[in-house]
Amino acid sequence: MKKKIIIAATSARAFAEAACASGDEVVTLDAFADADLNSIASEAYQVNMQDWQIDIDDFIRQFVKINLDNVHGFCYASLFDAVPELLNWVATRVPIIGNSAETLKKAKAISFFELLDTLDIVHPKVSLDYPQAPGHWLSKSVGGCGGTHVKLAKEHDLGDYFQQEIVGEPVSMLFVANGKVSQLIGFNRQLVAPTIVLPYRYAGAVGSVKLPDSVVEAFCNAAKKLTNAMGLVGINSLDAVLCDEKLSILELNPRLSASFELYPNLWDVHLQACNGILTGLHINNASRAKMTIFADKDIEIDIDFAWPNWTADLPNQDLARNRILKDAPICSVLAEAETAELAFINLLERAKQLREMMR
């Protein structure tokens, strides 16, 4: 039966596409209201962001415009990491499909690392005070996402806590849980697009990567322990860094994440797991990859620009977004191949081709 569902995310297009492909009607709240999102959502509301964080007052202004009659529920992604109390506000008005605001708050609190210690899950050292120990350290903010809150630590830094830097490959695990049992979906290699101000800015990922057996075991054990300890439901992800086959967990995202799009449609999997039902997953061996293309200078996109069919999250001309400022996202590039290595190569080739087309 067709359901009307509200989806809130920094960028909601991928989740909305999956929901519509599954036969549901979607109303979206996100930071971009991209052209391809507008073409599928029954209503798409653009929410202001300030310093990569949601403008709470504007979110409420947009939310109250939605007619909540016959709304089945509310799904969310990264929009609430720093403001779980706003998710609580939403929960008083419409059912949440996914982990509760309290679970999100626990996952994003500094005390989360104490839970990792209790569960014997390896993670980098953390400190509330500027570390005097040797080595490189990072400054982070509670509830930050997309790497925009991560900087090299400096004394008197304004971050909420410090975390020891581990040089290695950034990886993630996408999994689904029903409150008691967790089930692997896939592993991903994360991509970054650094700037001087944002040295760890998230830029996408390559899905279905192969990892050593010991790393697979460490990832799956961490997901299992956290599911049991926190009662996780629906689709979740774990971010980590891999160094010499040693895995260190960086954070838990107890909500939909960007790597959702790197696998066959997971919408119904998410909804059923939130109701306590885990179904068999049939993930093919192909790898999908996605990269955000950022503007390296202020640019103007012609209204008649012919976007390739392997692009998504396209600028919305109706909202005067044809002028894109330096370091702002332009769109996403998508690729797929038999292996993760080939998908990544295809992704880079398409990104280069698109930049040449926009010159």
Protein backbone atom coordinates (compact mmCIF):
# COMPACT_ATOMS: atom_id res chain seq x y z
CA MET A 1 0.00 0.00 0.00
CA LYS A 2 1.30 3.45 -0.93
CA LYS A 3 2.50 5.42 2.09
CA LYS A 4 3.11 9.16 2.52
CA ILE A 5 6.46 9.64 4.23
CA ILE A 6 8.42 12.75 5.16
CA ILE A 7 12.16 12.49 4.50
CA ALA A 8 14.60 14.97 6.06
CA ALA A 9 18.29 15.03 5.15
CA THR A 10 21.05 17.39 4.18
CA SER A 11 20.45 16.00 0.68
CA ALA A 12 17.25 13.94 0.38
CA ARG A 13 17.26 13.05 -3.34
CA ALA A 14 18.67 9.50 -3.10
CA PHE A 15 16.30 8.49 -0.32
CA ALA A 16 13.33 10.04 -2.10
CA GLU A 17 14.18 8.19 -5.31
CA ALA A 18 14.32 4.88 -3.43
CA ALA A 19 11.01 5.56 -1.66
CA CYS A 20 9.24 6.55 -4.88
CA ALA A 21 10.64 3.51 -6.68
CA SER A 22 9.09 1.40 -3.90
CA GLY A 23 5.72 3.03 -4.52
CA ASP A 24 5.61 5.56 -1.67
CA GLU A 25 4.80 9.27 -1.80
CA VAL A 26 7.44 11.55 -0.32
CA VAL A 27 7.58 15.03 1.15
CA THR A 28 11.14 16.24 1.65
CA LEU A 29 13.01 18.74 3.80
CA ASP A 30 16.62 19.32 2.82
CA ALA A 31 19.26 21.98 2.17
CA PHE A 32 19.07 22.03 -1.62
CA ALA A 33 15.65 21.11 -3.10
CA ASP A 34 17.58 19.98 -6.18
CA ALA A 35 15.96 19.85 -9.61
CA ASP A 36 15.80 16.05 -9.72
CA LEU A 37 14.37 15.94 -6.20
CA ASN A 38 11.62 18.37 -7.17
CA SER A 39 10.69 16.13 -10.07
CA ILE A 40 9.79 13.19 -7.81
CA ALA A 41 8.75 14.60 -4.42
CA SER A 42 5.12 15.64 -4.01
CA GLU A 43 6.44 18.55 -1.93
CA ALA A 44 10.06 19.64 -1.48
CA TYR A 45 10.99 22.23 1.16
CA GLN A 46 14.42 23.85 1.27
CA VAL A 47 15.83 24.39 4.78
CA ASN A 48 18.53 26.94 5.56
CA MET A 49 21.92 25.77 6.82
CA GLN A 50 24.40 27.87 8.81
CA ASP A 51 28.03 26.73 8.96
CA TRP A 52 26.97 23.27 7.78
CA GLN A 53 24.41 23.01 10.59
CA ILE A 54 20.62 23.12 10.28
CA ASP A 55 18.82 26.38 11.03
CA ILE A 56 16.37 25.10 13.65
CA ASP A 57 13.95 28.02 13.36
CA ASP A 58 13.80 27.71 9.57
CA PHE A 59 13.29 23.94 9.78
CA ILE A 60 10.28 24.48 12.03
CA ARG A 61 8.95 27.17 9.67
CA GLN A 62 9.16 24.75 6.75
CA PHE A 63 7.88 21.73 8.67
CA VAL A 64 4.66 23.40 9.83
CA LYS A 65 3.74 24.01 6.17
CA ILE A 66 3.30 20.24 5.70
CA ASN A 67 -0.19 18.79 5.98
CA LEU A 68 0.37 15.88 8.37
CA ASP A 69 -2.93 14.16 7.54
CA ASN A 70 -2.26 10.60 6.36
CA VAL A 71 1.50 10.89 6.92
CA HIS A 72 2.78 7.40 7.72
CA GLY A 73 6.01 8.51 9.32
CA PHE A 74 9.24 10.52 9.27
CA CYS A 75 12.61 9.19 8.02
CA TYR A 76 15.82 11.11 8.58
CA ALA A 77 19.48 11.20 7.65
CA SER A 78 22.31 13.52 8.71
CA LEU A 79 20.30 16.66 9.36
CA PHE A 80 19.85 16.10 13.13
CA ASP A 81 23.26 14.85 14.30
CA ALA A 82 24.01 18.07 16.21
CA VAL A 83 20.42 18.77 17.28
CA PRO A 84 18.70 15.54 18.39
CA GLU A 85 16.30 17.68 20.43
CA LEU A 86 14.82 18.87 17.13
CA LEU A 87 14.12 15.26 16.23
CA ASN A 88 12.28 14.97 19.55
CA TRP A 89 10.17 17.96 18.52
CA VAL A 90 9.30 16.19 15.27
CA ALA A 91 8.42 13.00 17.18
CA THR A 92 5.64 14.84 19.03
CA ARG A 93 3.97 15.51 15.69
CA VAL A 94 4.59 12.47 13.49
CA PRO A 95 5.95 8.93 14.11
CA ILE A 96 9.71 8.54 13.66
CA ILE A 97 10.75 5.68 11.37
CA GLY A 98 14.21 4.80 12.63
CA ASN A 99 16.25 5.20 15.77
CA SER A 100 14.96 7.58 18.43
CA ALA A 101 16.37 11.00 19.21
CA GLU A 102 17.78 9.54 22.43
CA THR A 103 19.71 6.89 20.49
CA LEU A 104 21.05 9.54 18.12
CA LYS A 105 22.09 11.69 21.07
CA LYS A 106 23.96 8.77 22.69
CA ALA A 107 25.77 7.97 19.45
CA LYS A 108 26.93 11.56 18.98
CA ALA A 109 27.91 12.28 22.60
CA ILE A 110 31.50 12.14 23.82
CA SER A 111 30.40 9.38 26.23
CA PHE A 112 29.95 7.15 23.14
CA PHE A 113 33.66 6.39 23.34
CA GLU A 114 33.20 5.13 26.89
CA LEU A 115 30.61 2.72 25.50
CA LEU A 116 33.13 1.56 22.90
CA ASP A 117 35.60 0.89 25.71
CA THR A 118 32.97 -1.06 27.66
CA LEU A 119 32.21 -3.16 24.58
CA ASP A 120 35.92 -3.68 23.85
CA ILE A 121 35.69 -1.94 20.47
CA VAL A 122 38.93 -0.36 19.26
CA HIS A 123 38.86 3.39 18.63
CA PRO A 124 41.39 6.26 18.55
CA LYS A 125 42.21 7.92 21.86
CA VAL A 126 40.02 10.89 22.77
CA SER A 127 40.52 13.78 25.17
CA LEU A 128 38.43 16.69 26.41
CA ASP A 129 41.58 18.73 27.03
CA TYR A 130 44.26 19.75 24.59
CA PRO A 131 46.49 16.65 24.50
CA GLN A 132 50.06 16.87 25.71
CA ALA A 133 50.86 13.38 24.44
CA PRO A 134 53.03 13.09 21.33
CA GLY A 135 51.51 12.45 17.92
CA HIS A 136 48.96 14.19 15.76
CA TRP A 137 45.50 15.02 17.09
CA LEU A 138 42.28 16.23 15.55
CA SER A 139 39.74 18.68 16.89
CA LYS A 140 36.09 17.61 16.48
CA SER A 141 32.64 18.95 17.28
CA VAL A 142 29.86 16.83 18.77
CA GLY A 143 27.24 16.09 16.14
CA GLY A 144 29.37 17.26 13.22
CA CYS A 145 28.97 15.40 9.95
CA GLY A 146 30.45 15.27 6.48
CA GLY A 147 33.95 15.91 7.82
CA THR A 148 33.22 19.65 8.03
CA HIS A 149 33.79 19.68 11.81
CA VAL A 150 37.20 17.96 11.72
CA LYS A 151 40.37 20.05 11.89
CA LEU A 152 43.96 19.62 12.95
CA ALA A 153 44.09 20.26 16.68
CA LYS A 154 45.50 23.53 17.94
CA GLU A 155 45.76 24.73 21.51
CA HIS A 156 42.72 26.81 22.52
CA ASP A 157 40.79 25.23 19.64
CA LEU A 158 37.01 25.60 19.77
CA GLY A 159 36.22 21.93 19.14
CA ASP A 160 34.25 19.89 21.68
CA TYR A 161 36.90 17.20 21.99
CA PHE A 162 40.19 15.96 20.59
CA GLN A 163 40.80 12.63 18.87
CA GLN A 164 44.14 11.08 18.03
CA GLU A 165 44.75 11.06 14.29
CA ILE A 166 45.38 7.66 12.73
CA VAL A 167 46.82 7.75 9.23
CA GLY A 168 45.10 5.16 7.08
CA GLU A 169 42.23 4.49 4.72
CA PRO A 170 38.81 5.90 5.66
CA VAL A 171 36.23 3.11 5.39
CA SER A 172 32.66 2.51 6.48
CA MET A 173 30.22 -0.33 7.04
CA LEU A 174 26.56 -0.12 6.09
CA PHE A 175 24.35 -2.48 8.06
CA VAL A 176 20.72 -3.05 8.98
CA ALA A 177 19.41 -3.99 12.42
CA ASN A 178 16.10 -4.92 14.06
CA GLY A 179 16.92 -3.93 17.63
CA LYS A 180 18.62 -7.22 18.45
CA VAL A 181 20.37 -8.56 15.35
CA SER A 182 22.56 -6.75 12.82
CA GLN A 183 23.09 -7.75 9.21
CA LEU A 184 25.87 -6.62 6.87
CA ILE A 185 24.96 -4.72 3.71
CA GLY A 186 28.42 -3.71 2.48
CA PHE A 187 31.74 -1.99 3.08
CA ASN A 188 32.73 1.31 1.52
CA ARG A 189 35.83 3.34 0.82
CA GLN A 190 35.23 6.98 1.70
CA LEU A 191 36.45 9.88 -0.45
CA VAL A 192 37.49 13.33 0.70
CA ALA A 193 37.81 16.69 -1.06
CA PRO A 194 40.06 18.72 1.25
CA THR A 195 40.32 22.48 1.43
CA ILE A 196 42.52 24.61 3.67
CA VAL A 197 39.57 25.32 5.94
CA LEU A 198 37.97 21.86 5.64
CA PRO A 199 40.83 19.34 5.35
CA TYR A 200 38.56 16.31 5.89
CA ARG A 201 35.50 17.32 3.82
CA TYR A 202 33.47 14.26 2.75
CA ALA A 203 33.15 13.89 -1.02
CA GLY A 204 31.55 10.50 -1.59
CA ALA A 205 32.31 6.81 -1.44
CA VAL A 206 32.92 3.63 -3.39
CA GLY A 207 30.69 0.73 -2.39
CA SER A 208 31.11 -3.04 -2.17
CA VAL A 209 34.83 -2.88 -1.39
CA LYS A 210 36.63 -6.04 -0.33
CA LEU A 211 38.32 -6.02 3.07
CA PRO A 212 40.59 -8.54 4.82
CA ASP A 213 38.75 -11.22 6.79
CA SER A 214 40.06 -9.90 10.11
CA VAL A 215 38.72 -6.43 9.32
CA VAL A 216 35.35 -7.83 8.23
CA GLU A 217 35.14 -9.67 11.56
CA ALA A 218 36.05 -6.54 13.56
CA PHE A 219 33.45 -4.44 11.72
CA CYS A 220 30.69 -7.02 12.10
CA ASN A 221 31.48 -7.60 15.79
CA ALA A 222 31.29 -3.85 16.43
CA ALA A 223 27.92 -3.61 14.66
CA LYS A 224 26.62 -6.60 16.62
CA LYS A 225 27.72 -5.24 19.99
CA LEU A 226 26.37 -1.76 19.34
CA THR A 227 23.05 -3.12 18.09
CA ASN A 228 22.65 -5.12 21.29
CA ALA A 229 23.77 -2.28 23.55
CA MET A 230 21.72 0.47 21.90
CA GLY A 231 18.80 -1.41 20.35
CA LEU A 232 19.62 -0.09 16.87
CA VAL A 233 16.95 -0.40 14.18
CA GLY A 234 16.86 0.23 10.46
CA ILE A 235 19.87 1.10 8.37
CA ASN A 236 22.95 2.38 10.24
CA SER A 237 26.59 2.94 9.38
CA LEU A 238 29.94 2.80 11.12
CA ASP A 239 32.84 5.04 10.08
CA ALA A 240 36.37 3.86 10.73
CA VAL A 241 39.98 4.17 9.67
CA LEU A 242 41.97 1.15 8.49
CA CYS A 243 45.71 1.06 9.13
CA ASP A 244 47.79 -2.09 8.53
CA GLU A 245 44.63 -4.26 8.77
CA LYS A 246 43.83 -2.74 12.16
CA LEU A 247 40.38 -1.18 12.33
CA SER A 248 39.63 1.82 14.56
CA ILE A 249 36.00 2.91 14.86
CA LEU A 250 35.47 6.67 14.54
CA GLU A 251 31.71 7.03 14.86
CA LEU A 252 28.30 5.42 14.60
CA ASN A 253 25.62 6.97 12.39
CA PRO A 254 22.33 5.52 13.68
CA ARG A 255 20.34 6.79 10.70
CA LEU A 256 20.28 6.73 6.91
CA SER A 257 23.62 7.70 5.39
CA ALA A 258 25.04 8.65 1.99
CA SER A 259 26.30 5.09 1.30
CA PHE A 260 22.62 4.01 1.12
CA GLU A 261 22.73 4.88 -2.60
CA LEU A 262 25.64 2.55 -3.30
CA TYR A 263 23.46 -0.56 -3.08
CA PRO A 264 20.25 -1.85 -4.71
CA ASN A 265 17.11 -0.18 -3.36
CA LEU A 266 17.20 -0.53 0.44
CA TRP A 267 14.08 1.50 1.22
CA ASP A 268 11.81 -1.41 2.14
CA VAL A 269 14.71 -3.07 3.99
CA HIS A 270 14.96 0.03 6.19
CA LEU A 271 11.23 0.30 6.85
CA GLN A 272 10.82 -3.39 7.67
CA ALA A 273 13.84 -3.44 9.99
CA CYS A 274 12.42 -0.46 11.88
CA ASN A 275 9.42 -2.72 12.52
CA GLY A 276 11.69 -5.50 13.79
CA ILE A 277 11.78 -7.52 10.57
CA LEU A 278 15.04 -8.52 8.89
CA THR A 279 14.73 -9.96 5.40
CA GLY A 280 17.33 -11.69 3.27
CA LEU A 281 19.54 -9.26 1.38
CA HIS A 282 20.49 -9.94 -2.21
CA ILE A 283 23.38 -7.61 -2.93
CA ASN A 284 25.02 -8.18 -6.32
CA ASN A 285 28.79 -8.15 -6.72
CA ALA A 286 28.91 -4.95 -8.78
CA SER A 287 30.23 -1.78 -7.17
CA ARG A 288 28.65 1.64 -7.25
CA ALA A 289 30.48 4.88 -6.57
CA LYS A 290 29.43 8.45 -5.93
CA MET A 291 31.36 11.70 -5.76
CA THR A 292 30.23 15.23 -4.92
CA ILE A 293 31.61 17.80 -7.34
CA PHE A 294 32.45 21.06 -5.58
CA ALA A 295 32.97 24.40 -7.30
CA ASP A 296 36.65 25.38 -7.32
CA LYS A 297 35.59 28.98 -8.01
CA ASP A 298 32.36 30.97 -8.32
CA ILE A 299 30.64 29.64 -11.43
CA GLU A 300 27.45 30.10 -13.41
CA ILE A 301 25.68 27.09 -14.94
CA ASP A 302 23.77 27.75 -18.15
CA ILE A 303 20.09 26.98 -17.77
CA ASP A 304 20.29 24.79 -20.88
CA PHE A 305 23.35 22.85 -19.73
CA ALA A 306 23.03 19.21 -20.82
CA TRP A 307 23.64 17.17 -17.68
CA PRO A 308 24.93 13.63 -18.41
CA ASN A 309 22.68 10.79 -17.28
CA TRP A 310 25.31 9.76 -14.74
CA THR A 311 24.90 12.98 -12.73
CA ALA A 312 22.42 13.65 -9.92
CA ASP A 313 21.57 16.29 -7.29
CA LEU A 314 21.30 18.86 -10.06
CA PRO A 315 21.11 22.62 -9.41
CA ASN A 316 17.57 23.95 -9.20
CA GLN A 317 17.28 26.84 -11.64
CA ASP A 318 13.89 27.86 -10.22
CA LEU A 319 15.60 28.72 -6.93
CA ALA A 320 18.27 30.84 -8.67
CA ARG A 321 20.99 28.30 -7.99
CA ASN A 322 22.50 28.68 -11.44
CA ARG A 323 25.22 30.73 -9.71
CA ILE A 324 27.24 28.47 -7.46
CA LEU A 325 29.77 29.87 -5.03
CA LYS A 326 33.31 28.56 -4.54
CA ASP A 327 33.46 25.35 -2.47
CA ALA A 328 29.69 24.80 -2.70
CA PRO A 329 28.46 21.47 -4.14
CA ILE A 330 27.51 21.54 -7.82
CA CYS A 331 26.12 18.03 -8.27
CA SER A 332 26.96 14.35 -7.79
CA VAL A 333 28.66 12.02 -10.25
CA LEU A 334 27.70 8.33 -10.25
CA ALA A 335 29.51 5.29 -11.63
CA GLU A 336 29.21 1.51 -11.54
CA ALA A 337 31.50 -1.35 -12.52
CA GLU A 338 32.24 -5.00 -11.78
CA THR A 339 34.75 -4.13 -9.07
CA ALA A 340 35.29 -1.27 -6.65
CA GLU A 341 38.60 -0.44 -8.32
CA LEU A 342 36.99 -0.09 -11.76
CA ALA A 343 34.05 1.87 -10.35
CA PHE A 344 36.48 4.36 -8.80
CA ILE A 345 38.38 4.74 -12.07
CA ASN A 346 35.12 5.35 -13.94
CA LEU A 347 34.10 7.87 -11.29
CA LEU A 348 37.30 9.87 -11.69
CA GLU A 349 36.99 9.83 -15.48
CA ARG A 350 33.42 11.10 -15.34
CA ALA A 351 34.28 13.80 -12.81
CA LYS A 352 37.06 15.02 -15.10
CA GLN A 353 34.75 14.93 -18.12
CA LEU A 354 32.07 16.95 -16.33
CA ARG A 355 34.51 19.64 -15.24
CA GLU A 356 35.71 19.97 -18.82
CA MET A 357 32.10 20.29 -20.02
CA MET A 358 31.44 23.13 -17.57
CA ARG A 359 34.44 25.22 -18.61
